[in-house]
Amino acid sequence: MKKTRFIVTALLIGCIMNLSFAQKSKDGWQNLFNGKDLNGWKQLNGKAKYEVKDGVIVGTSTLNTPNSFLTTEKDYGDFILELDVMVDDKLNSGIQIRSLSTPDYNNGRVHGYQVEIDPSARGWAAGIYDEARRGWLYPGDLNPAAKNAFKNNQWNKYRIEAIGNHIQTFLNGVPVAHLIDDMTPKGFISLQVHGIKNADQEGTQVKWKNVRIKTDNIKLTPAADIRIVNLLPNNISEAEKAQGWKMLFDGNSGEHWRAYNGTDFPQKRWSVKDGVISVAKSDGSETGNDLVSREKFGPGFEFQFEFKLTEGANSGVKYFVNEELNSKGRSGLGLEYQVLDDAKHPDAKMGVVGNRTLASLYDLIPAEKPGNSVKKIGEWNVGRIVVHPDGKVQHFLNGQNVLEYQRGGAIYKALVARSKYKDHKGFGLAESGNLLLQDHGDNVMYRNLKVKELK
């Protein structure tokens, strides 16, 4: 009799638990962590310690082991993921989504999209990094308003929406990143404990709880008014259009461009093929066949472009170009975002304090480039020039702010007076001007040319 009662009671408890679970799942959310053990997860790469304590996944750093990943056994494509995170302020971590580990890629190295867990002062938490592949895709410099969203020594709520080509991240309710990319449509989710090399970091921890996912009947949160990084070639999204962006290259023709001091797209040196505008390598006898935009821009605008360098190549993107200035038969004159192979082209060592290197304001102000801001030769880099209506100008390289100056300020005028532009009165100070892609005799490619006027 007692045995029968025990069985009935157990069945009733099981039914209640199942009913409770069913009620919790009516809205479509599924728990990825049961609060008790790591069932459904596996560890890859590094040897950091993962365990469950008081309903929390705890990852503990271990000296001299590579990045460790606690990975779902199941892959996910489109989803909304929510979880709470707390991390020691000496440790960096991340949340992998749509990630992969295959024998043919770096011996099984975990790679793919990572949503950053960053307690440092730079404030890049919930930015998007491409682990072991392309590096930063959406660093925190692209959304300064979100840099204070992360709370040190507290639980932080992450929300990640990955639907179609869009990935949006939110941190404690604040929209942080919006990426459009199609490199990896599906993969696992994992919780990273970053590798450490300093003894004072050993034993630092990152914790996760309330890990849940929704895969059915999902839709993106309407796009916030934040920077959108669209890595699809020559593509513009409806959200970008709503923000005022327009294409200056559709991948098929050069209709928005003409020859410097000309009327038509040049028939030599430049070509449009396979979604790319490129300038050919010269034998040294011919340069200066620059392209300029048919439209002028200013006083405030943003111009974004992707460029791919060949080894030893030199080019440039100029703005506020004035065709009335006498360039003595050389390249058109304007403020220049330098496009250069710093390692192989001699111009990088000329000028003053590196002011002719990649992303610098050519011959005037050097770019301060972190080591992870430059892609390898043969890979696409993303450049961006932001000219604020108040005269402040910024150069970005792969999402990172590498240079700022005040156009027309006292320092600017002093720098121009000591530069190669000193004999050109009012250099770079026109209210508006053309954009220019420079022919410096080397093979360089451009795509994803987009512009937005700033009021």
Protein backbone atom coordinates (compact mmCIF):
# COMPACT_ATOMS: atom_id res chain seq x y z
CA MET A 1 0.00 0.00 0.00
CA LYS A 2 2.77 2.40 0.97
CA LYS A 3 4.64 1.47 -2.20
CA THR A 4 1.54 2.22 -4.29
CA ARG A 5 1.12 5.60 -2.58
CA PHE A 6 4.77 6.39 -3.26
CA ILE A 7 4.40 5.57 -6.97
CA VAL A 8 1.19 7.62 -7.26
CA THR A 9 2.79 10.54 -5.45
CA ALA A 10 5.85 10.40 -7.73
CA LEU A 11 3.63 10.32 -10.79
CA LEU A 12 1.65 13.30 -9.53
CA ILE A 13 4.84 15.26 -8.88
CA GLY A 14 6.07 14.38 -12.36
CA CYS A 15 2.82 15.52 -13.91
CA ILE A 16 2.93 18.78 -11.97
CA MET A 17 6.52 19.37 -13.08
CA ASN A 18 5.62 18.60 -16.68
CA LEU A 19 2.58 20.86 -16.47
CA SER A 20 4.72 23.63 -15.00
CA PHE A 21 7.29 23.22 -17.79
CA ALA A 22 4.52 23.27 -20.41
CA GLN A 23 3.15 26.49 -18.97
CA LYS A 24 6.58 28.09 -19.06
CA SER A 25 7.02 27.03 -22.71
CA LYS A 26 3.73 28.43 -24.00
CA ASP A 27 5.48 31.64 -25.07
CA GLY A 28 8.05 29.64 -27.02
CA TRP A 29 11.06 30.05 -24.72
CA GLN A 30 13.23 27.02 -24.01
CA ASN A 31 15.83 26.77 -21.27
CA LEU A 32 19.31 25.87 -22.52
CA PHE A 33 20.54 25.39 -18.93
CA ASN A 34 18.55 23.28 -16.49
CA GLY A 35 20.05 24.93 -13.41
CA LYS A 36 21.52 21.66 -12.12
CA ASP A 37 24.19 20.31 -14.47
CA LEU A 38 25.76 20.80 -17.89
CA ASN A 39 23.55 18.36 -19.72
CA GLY A 40 23.30 19.41 -23.37
CA TRP A 41 26.69 21.15 -23.34
CA LYS A 42 30.24 20.09 -24.17
CA GLN A 43 33.63 21.77 -23.75
CA LEU A 44 35.94 22.62 -26.66
CA ASN A 45 39.50 23.93 -27.04
CA GLY A 46 40.86 25.27 -23.72
CA LYS A 47 40.91 23.65 -20.25
CA ALA A 48 39.24 26.33 -18.15
CA LYS A 49 36.96 24.87 -15.49
CA TYR A 50 33.16 24.90 -15.95
CA GLU A 51 30.82 23.84 -13.15
CA VAL A 52 27.36 24.50 -11.79
CA LYS A 53 26.97 26.23 -8.42
CA ASP A 54 23.66 27.34 -6.91
CA GLY A 55 21.88 27.32 -10.26
CA VAL A 56 24.66 29.23 -12.02
CA ILE A 57 27.22 28.15 -14.65
CA VAL A 58 30.63 29.23 -13.36
CA GLY A 59 33.67 29.41 -15.64
CA THR A 60 37.04 29.72 -13.92
CA SER A 61 40.12 30.87 -15.82
CA THR A 62 43.21 28.69 -15.99
CA LEU A 63 46.72 29.95 -16.71
CA ASN A 64 48.36 29.10 -20.03
CA THR A 65 45.43 27.39 -21.72
CA PRO A 66 43.75 28.77 -24.85
CA ASN A 67 40.26 30.21 -24.98
CA SER A 68 37.76 27.70 -23.62
CA PHE A 69 34.21 27.22 -24.89
CA LEU A 70 31.25 25.54 -23.24
CA THR A 71 29.21 24.70 -26.30
CA THR A 72 25.66 23.58 -27.00
CA GLU A 73 25.44 20.14 -28.55
CA LYS A 74 22.77 21.49 -30.89
CA ASP A 75 23.16 24.05 -33.68
CA TYR A 76 20.88 27.07 -34.03
CA GLY A 77 20.12 29.28 -37.03
CA ASP A 78 17.45 31.93 -36.38
CA PHE A 79 16.79 32.64 -32.71
CA ILE A 80 16.48 35.11 -29.88
CA LEU A 81 18.83 34.31 -27.00
CA GLU A 82 18.65 35.81 -23.52
CA LEU A 83 20.96 35.24 -20.57
CA ASP A 84 22.38 36.97 -17.51
CA VAL A 85 26.14 37.43 -17.13
CA MET A 86 28.50 38.49 -14.34
CA VAL A 87 32.27 38.66 -14.80
CA ASP A 88 35.30 39.59 -12.71
CA ASP A 89 36.62 42.97 -13.80
CA LYS A 90 40.03 41.47 -14.68
CA LEU A 91 38.61 38.94 -17.13
CA ASN A 92 37.33 39.19 -20.69
CA SER A 93 34.76 36.76 -22.05
CA GLY A 94 32.14 36.31 -24.74
CA ILE A 95 29.03 34.54 -26.02
CA GLN A 96 29.54 32.63 -29.26
CA ILE A 97 26.59 32.35 -31.66
CA ARG A 98 26.30 30.61 -35.04
CA SER A 99 29.80 29.27 -34.39
CA LEU A 100 31.68 26.28 -35.76
CA SER A 101 34.43 23.81 -34.91
CA THR A 102 35.62 21.63 -37.78
CA PRO A 103 38.80 19.59 -38.24
CA ASP A 104 39.66 21.40 -41.47
CA TYR A 105 39.64 24.86 -39.83
CA ASN A 106 42.62 25.47 -37.59
CA ASN A 107 42.46 21.97 -36.08
CA GLY A 108 38.98 22.42 -34.66
CA ARG A 109 39.44 25.97 -33.38
CA VAL A 110 36.09 27.46 -32.41
CA HIS A 111 35.30 30.32 -34.77
CA GLY A 112 32.35 32.56 -35.52
CA TYR A 113 30.33 35.45 -34.18
CA GLN A 114 31.04 36.45 -30.59
CA VAL A 115 29.06 38.92 -28.51
CA GLU A 116 31.59 40.57 -26.25
CA ILE A 117 31.57 40.43 -22.44
CA ASP A 118 33.89 43.30 -21.57
CA PRO A 119 34.13 44.89 -18.11
CA SER A 120 37.00 47.19 -19.12
CA ALA A 121 36.86 50.97 -19.39
CA ARG A 122 36.74 50.90 -23.20
CA GLY A 123 33.06 49.89 -22.95
CA TRP A 124 32.77 47.44 -25.83
CA ALA A 125 30.45 44.96 -24.10
CA ALA A 126 27.81 43.48 -26.46
CA GLY A 127 29.85 44.53 -29.48
CA ILE A 128 30.34 41.83 -32.11
CA TYR A 129 33.67 40.11 -32.75
CA ASP A 130 34.41 37.35 -35.25
CA GLU A 131 36.37 34.86 -33.15
CA ALA A 132 39.42 33.32 -34.88
CA ARG A 133 38.31 34.65 -38.25
CA ARG A 134 37.80 38.34 -39.22
CA GLY A 135 38.24 40.12 -35.89
CA TRP A 136 36.06 43.05 -34.88
CA LEU A 137 32.88 43.53 -36.90
CA TYR A 138 31.06 45.92 -34.56
CA PRO A 139 33.43 47.42 -31.96
CA GLY A 140 32.12 49.72 -29.27
CA ASP A 141 33.45 52.87 -30.96
CA LEU A 142 30.53 52.59 -33.38
CA ASN A 143 27.98 53.21 -30.63
CA PRO A 144 29.45 55.49 -27.93
CA ALA A 145 26.03 55.93 -26.30
CA ALA A 146 26.07 52.25 -25.25
CA LYS A 147 29.52 52.24 -23.67
CA ASN A 148 28.14 52.61 -20.14
CA ALA A 149 25.47 49.90 -20.45
CA PHE A 150 27.60 47.19 -18.80
CA LYS A 151 27.55 47.16 -14.98
CA ASN A 152 30.67 45.86 -13.25
CA ASN A 153 30.25 43.31 -10.45
CA GLN A 154 26.54 42.99 -11.20
CA TRP A 155 24.36 40.71 -13.27
CA ASN A 156 23.95 42.02 -16.81
CA LYS A 157 21.13 40.94 -19.11
CA TYR A 158 22.11 40.15 -22.69
CA ARG A 159 19.60 39.80 -25.52
CA ILE A 160 20.83 38.59 -28.91
CA GLU A 161 18.58 38.49 -31.97
CA ALA A 162 19.94 36.48 -34.92
CA ILE A 163 17.33 36.35 -37.66
CA GLY A 164 18.25 35.99 -41.31
CA ASN A 165 21.28 38.17 -42.09
CA HIS A 166 20.66 40.47 -39.13
CA ILE A 167 22.27 40.21 -35.70
CA GLN A 168 21.17 42.72 -33.06
CA THR A 169 22.44 42.89 -29.50
CA PHE A 170 20.99 44.53 -26.41
CA LEU A 171 22.63 44.99 -23.00
CA ASN A 172 20.46 45.77 -19.99
CA GLY A 173 17.81 47.00 -22.42
CA VAL A 174 20.18 49.26 -24.34
CA PRO A 175 20.60 48.59 -28.10
CA VAL A 176 24.32 48.08 -28.72
CA ALA A 177 25.06 46.53 -32.13
CA HIS A 178 23.33 45.91 -35.43
CA LEU A 179 25.22 43.74 -37.92
CA ILE A 180 24.09 42.54 -41.35
CA ASP A 181 26.26 39.64 -42.55
CA ASP A 182 25.80 36.26 -44.19
CA MET A 183 29.06 34.39 -43.55
CA THR A 184 27.60 31.83 -41.11
CA PRO A 185 23.83 31.23 -41.07
CA LYS A 186 23.86 28.46 -38.45
CA GLY A 187 26.05 27.05 -35.69
CA PHE A 188 26.33 26.34 -31.99
CA ILE A 189 26.11 28.68 -29.02
CA SER A 190 28.91 28.70 -26.50
CA LEU A 191 30.07 30.44 -23.34
CA GLN A 192 33.70 31.54 -23.45
CA VAL A 193 36.30 31.76 -20.73
CA HIS A 194 39.09 33.78 -22.27
CA GLY A 195 42.64 32.50 -22.12
CA ILE A 196 44.91 34.32 -19.66
CA LYS A 197 48.68 34.81 -19.47
CA ASN A 198 49.07 36.77 -16.24
CA ALA A 199 49.19 34.97 -12.89
CA ASP A 200 47.05 37.64 -11.20
CA GLN A 201 44.16 36.68 -13.51
CA GLU A 202 44.21 32.99 -12.61
CA GLY A 203 41.02 31.95 -10.87
CA THR A 204 38.98 34.89 -12.15
CA GLN A 205 35.46 33.89 -13.08
CA VAL A 206 32.59 34.53 -15.42
CA LYS A 207 29.08 33.38 -14.54
CA TRP A 208 25.91 32.74 -16.53
CA LYS A 209 22.31 32.07 -15.54
CA ASN A 210 18.77 32.24 -16.98
CA VAL A 211 20.03 30.99 -20.34
CA ARG A 212 17.04 30.65 -22.64
CA ILE A 213 16.31 30.63 -26.38
CA LYS A 214 13.34 31.16 -28.66
CA THR A 215 13.37 29.78 -32.22
CA ASP A 216 9.74 29.91 -33.41
CA ASN A 217 7.51 32.88 -34.24
CA ILE A 218 10.33 35.36 -33.79
CA LYS A 219 10.97 38.73 -35.36
CA LEU A 220 13.60 41.42 -35.03
CA THR A 221 13.09 44.33 -32.71
CA PRO A 222 12.54 47.42 -34.92
CA ALA A 223 15.96 48.87 -35.76
CA ALA A 224 17.18 51.44 -33.26
CA ASP A 225 18.80 54.65 -34.46
CA ILE A 226 22.30 53.27 -34.05
CA ARG A 227 25.09 52.55 -36.47
CA ILE A 228 24.34 49.61 -38.80
CA VAL A 229 27.28 47.60 -40.13
CA ASN A 230 26.21 45.97 -43.39
CA LEU A 231 28.86 43.63 -44.77
CA LEU A 232 26.78 42.33 -47.68
CA PRO A 233 28.52 43.53 -50.85
CA ASN A 234 26.95 46.67 -52.33
CA ASN A 235 23.76 46.18 -50.36
CA ILE A 236 21.68 48.73 -48.50
CA SER A 237 18.98 47.66 -46.05
CA GLU A 238 15.67 49.37 -45.45
CA ALA A 239 16.88 50.32 -41.98
CA GLU A 240 19.91 52.08 -43.50
CA LYS A 241 17.72 53.91 -45.99
CA ALA A 242 15.54 55.09 -43.12
CA GLN A 243 18.67 56.57 -41.53
CA GLY A 244 19.46 58.53 -44.70
CA TRP A 245 22.10 56.32 -46.32
CA LYS A 246 22.33 55.94 -50.10
CA MET A 247 24.57 53.90 -52.37
CA LEU A 248 27.26 55.45 -54.57
CA PHE A 249 27.98 52.10 -56.23
CA ASP A 250 25.48 49.38 -57.07
CA GLY A 251 28.08 46.79 -58.05
CA ASN A 252 27.21 46.97 -61.73
CA SER A 253 28.13 50.41 -63.05
CA GLY A 254 30.12 53.54 -62.24
CA GLU A 255 27.18 55.86 -62.87
CA HIS A 256 27.83 57.89 -59.70
CA TRP A 257 31.45 58.57 -60.69
CA ARG A 258 33.33 60.38 -63.45
CA ALA A 259 36.92 61.18 -64.34
CA TYR A 260 38.58 64.01 -62.44
CA ASN A 261 38.02 67.16 -64.53
CA GLY A 262 35.98 65.01 -66.94
CA THR A 263 32.37 64.13 -67.63
CA ASP A 264 32.33 60.37 -68.08
CA PHE A 265 33.53 57.28 -66.26
CA PRO A 266 37.09 56.71 -67.61
CA GLN A 267 37.59 54.00 -70.17
CA LYS A 268 41.13 53.19 -69.05
CA ARG A 269 42.79 52.30 -65.75
CA TRP A 270 39.42 51.90 -63.93
CA SER A 271 36.92 49.07 -64.37
CA VAL A 272 33.72 47.70 -62.85
CA LYS A 273 33.63 43.92 -62.57
CA ASP A 274 32.26 41.33 -60.12
CA GLY A 275 30.79 43.99 -57.84
CA VAL A 276 34.07 45.90 -57.51
CA ILE A 277 35.45 49.20 -58.78
CA SER A 278 39.17 48.68 -59.30
CA VAL A 279 42.15 50.57 -60.63
CA ALA A 280 44.76 48.57 -62.52
CA LYS A 281 48.48 48.33 -61.87
CA SER A 282 50.44 50.84 -63.95
CA ASP A 283 53.81 50.29 -65.59
CA GLY A 284 54.86 53.54 -63.91
CA SER A 285 54.19 55.82 -66.84
CA GLU A 286 50.62 56.72 -65.93
CA THR A 287 48.92 57.80 -62.70
CA GLY A 288 46.51 60.56 -61.70
CA ASN A 289 43.46 59.19 -63.51
CA ASP A 290 41.31 59.77 -60.46
CA LEU A 291 37.58 59.15 -60.04
CA VAL A 292 35.37 61.81 -58.47
CA SER A 293 31.76 61.62 -57.37
CA ARG A 294 29.29 63.39 -59.60
CA GLU A 295 27.67 64.84 -56.49
CA LYS A 296 29.28 67.16 -53.97
CA PHE A 297 28.91 66.64 -50.22
CA GLY A 298 29.17 68.94 -47.24
CA PRO A 299 29.28 70.60 -44.87
CA GLY A 300 28.32 67.47 -42.90
CA PHE A 301 28.34 63.87 -44.16
CA GLU A 302 29.56 60.30 -43.63
CA PHE A 303 31.24 58.31 -46.36
CA GLN A 304 31.78 54.58 -45.88
CA PHE A 305 33.81 52.43 -48.23
CA GLU A 306 35.49 49.03 -48.34
CA PHE A 307 38.92 48.70 -49.90
CA LYS A 308 41.24 45.83 -50.71
CA LEU A 309 44.96 46.43 -51.17
CA THR A 310 47.41 44.43 -53.20
CA GLU A 311 50.95 44.06 -51.87
CA GLY A 312 52.82 47.38 -51.81
CA ALA A 313 49.83 49.34 -53.11
CA ASN A 314 49.03 53.01 -52.63
CA SER A 315 45.75 54.87 -53.15
CA GLY A 316 43.57 57.26 -51.21
CA VAL A 317 40.04 58.49 -50.60
CA LYS A 318 39.76 62.26 -50.74
CA TYR A 319 36.98 64.56 -49.63
CA PHE A 320 36.18 68.25 -50.11
CA VAL A 321 37.94 67.92 -53.45
CA ASN A 322 38.14 71.21 -55.34
CA GLU A 323 38.75 70.81 -59.06
CA GLU A 324 39.52 74.52 -59.38
CA LEU A 325 42.76 74.10 -57.43
CA ASN A 326 45.79 73.58 -59.66
CA SER A 327 47.16 70.13 -58.94
CA LYS A 328 49.90 70.60 -61.55
CA GLY A 329 48.67 67.62 -63.54
CA ARG A 330 48.78 65.27 -60.57
CA SER A 331 46.07 63.73 -58.43
CA GLY A 332 43.06 65.86 -57.51
CA LEU A 333 43.48 67.97 -54.38
CA GLY A 334 41.48 67.40 -51.23
CA LEU A 335 41.70 66.09 -47.70
CA GLU A 336 42.89 62.49 -47.96
CA TYR A 337 42.17 59.33 -46.02
CA GLN A 338 45.34 57.43 -46.88
CA VAL A 339 44.93 53.93 -48.35
CA LEU A 340 48.32 52.21 -48.19
CA ASP A 341 50.24 49.02 -47.54
CA ASP A 342 52.26 50.41 -44.61
CA ALA A 343 54.65 47.48 -44.56
CA LYS A 344 55.66 47.51 -48.23
CA HIS A 345 55.13 51.02 -49.62
CA PRO A 346 57.91 53.60 -48.96
CA ASP A 347 55.43 56.44 -48.45
CA ALA A 348 54.63 55.03 -45.01
CA LYS A 349 58.09 56.10 -43.80
CA MET A 350 57.96 59.56 -45.35
CA GLY A 351 56.21 62.66 -44.07
CA VAL A 352 56.27 63.35 -40.30
CA VAL A 353 55.53 60.95 -37.40
CA GLY A 354 53.66 58.52 -39.63
CA ASN A 355 51.23 61.02 -41.16
CA ARG A 356 51.31 59.16 -44.50
CA THR A 357 50.31 55.76 -43.17
CA LEU A 358 47.02 53.92 -43.62
CA ALA A 359 43.91 55.85 -42.45
CA SER A 360 45.95 58.97 -41.68
CA LEU A 361 44.94 62.44 -42.84
CA TYR A 362 47.61 62.39 -45.51
CA ASP A 363 50.65 64.58 -44.80
CA LEU A 364 48.88 66.24 -41.86
CA ILE A 365 47.82 63.94 -38.99
CA PRO A 366 48.83 60.30 -38.31
CA ALA A 367 46.22 57.66 -37.52
CA GLU A 368 46.59 55.88 -34.20
CA LYS A 369 45.82 52.30 -35.19
CA PRO A 370 45.55 49.45 -32.68
CA GLY A 371 47.16 46.27 -33.98
CA ASN A 372 43.80 44.56 -34.46
CA SER A 373 42.36 47.37 -36.60
CA VAL A 374 44.16 46.46 -39.85
CA LYS A 375 43.23 43.51 -42.07
CA LYS A 376 45.80 41.50 -43.97
CA ILE A 377 46.71 42.42 -47.53
CA GLY A 378 44.12 40.82 -49.80
CA GLU A 379 41.29 41.14 -47.26
CA TRP A 380 38.58 43.78 -47.28
CA ASN A 381 38.98 46.73 -44.90
CA VAL A 382 36.14 49.08 -43.96
CA GLY A 383 36.99 52.77 -43.98
CA ARG A 384 34.71 55.58 -42.87
CA ILE A 385 35.02 59.34 -42.91
CA VAL A 386 32.67 61.34 -40.67
CA VAL A 387 32.50 65.10 -41.21
CA HIS A 388 30.33 66.73 -38.56
CA PRO A 389 28.54 69.98 -39.41
CA ASP A 390 30.52 71.74 -36.64
CA GLY A 391 33.80 70.90 -38.40
CA LYS A 392 34.92 67.91 -36.35
CA VAL A 393 36.22 65.12 -38.60
CA GLN A 394 36.83 61.47 -37.71
CA HIS A 395 38.54 58.63 -39.57
CA PHE A 396 37.46 55.07 -38.77
CA LEU A 397 39.21 51.87 -39.80
CA ASN A 398 37.29 48.60 -39.42
CA GLY A 399 34.97 50.25 -36.94
CA GLN A 400 37.66 51.78 -34.73
CA ASN A 401 38.10 55.53 -34.36
CA VAL A 402 41.73 56.15 -35.35
CA LEU A 403 41.84 59.92 -35.91
CA GLU A 404 39.98 63.14 -35.03
CA TYR A 405 40.58 66.79 -35.90
CA GLN A 406 38.79 70.12 -36.26
CA ARG A 407 38.62 71.26 -39.85
CA GLY A 408 39.55 74.94 -40.06
CA GLY A 409 40.79 75.16 -36.46
CA ALA A 410 44.08 76.78 -35.45
CA ILE A 411 45.95 73.46 -35.27
CA TYR A 412 44.58 72.43 -38.66
CA LYS A 413 45.74 75.67 -40.25
CA ALA A 414 49.20 75.35 -38.70
CA LEU A 415 49.55 71.80 -40.01
CA VAL A 416 48.49 72.82 -43.52
CA ALA A 417 50.99 75.72 -43.47
CA ARG A 418 53.82 73.22 -42.96
CA SER A 419 52.57 70.61 -45.44
CA LYS A 420 52.69 70.03 -49.18
CA TYR A 421 49.39 71.93 -49.38
CA LYS A 422 50.77 75.23 -48.03
CA ASP A 423 50.56 77.04 -51.37
CA HIS A 424 46.86 76.24 -51.88
CA LYS A 425 44.82 78.97 -50.19
CA GLY A 426 41.78 77.65 -48.33
CA PHE A 427 42.84 74.03 -48.78
CA GLY A 428 40.19 71.66 -47.45
CA LEU A 429 37.92 74.45 -46.23
CA ALA A 430 35.23 74.54 -48.92
CA GLU A 431 31.66 74.18 -47.67
CA SER A 432 31.21 71.19 -49.97
CA GLY A 433 33.26 69.17 -52.43
CA ASN A 434 33.55 65.95 -54.39
CA LEU A 435 34.66 62.59 -53.10
CA LEU A 436 37.63 61.07 -54.93
CA LEU A 437 39.15 57.61 -55.41
CA GLN A 438 42.83 57.98 -56.22
CA ASP A 439 44.82 56.34 -58.98
CA HIS A 440 48.39 56.14 -57.67
CA GLY A 441 49.52 53.52 -60.17
CA ASP A 442 48.71 50.47 -58.06
CA ASN A 443 45.99 47.83 -58.13
CA VAL A 444 43.41 48.69 -55.46
CA MET A 445 39.73 47.65 -55.23
CA TYR A 446 36.70 49.43 -53.78
CA ARG A 447 33.12 48.42 -53.02
CA ASN A 448 30.22 49.18 -50.62
CA LEU A 449 30.42 52.92 -51.25
CA LYS A 450 27.71 54.60 -49.16
CA VAL A 451 27.07 58.19 -48.11
CA LYS A 452 24.82 59.92 -45.64
CA GLU A 453 24.36 63.64 -45.19
CA LEU A 454 24.52 65.01 -41.64
CA LYS A 455 22.47 68.00 -40.60
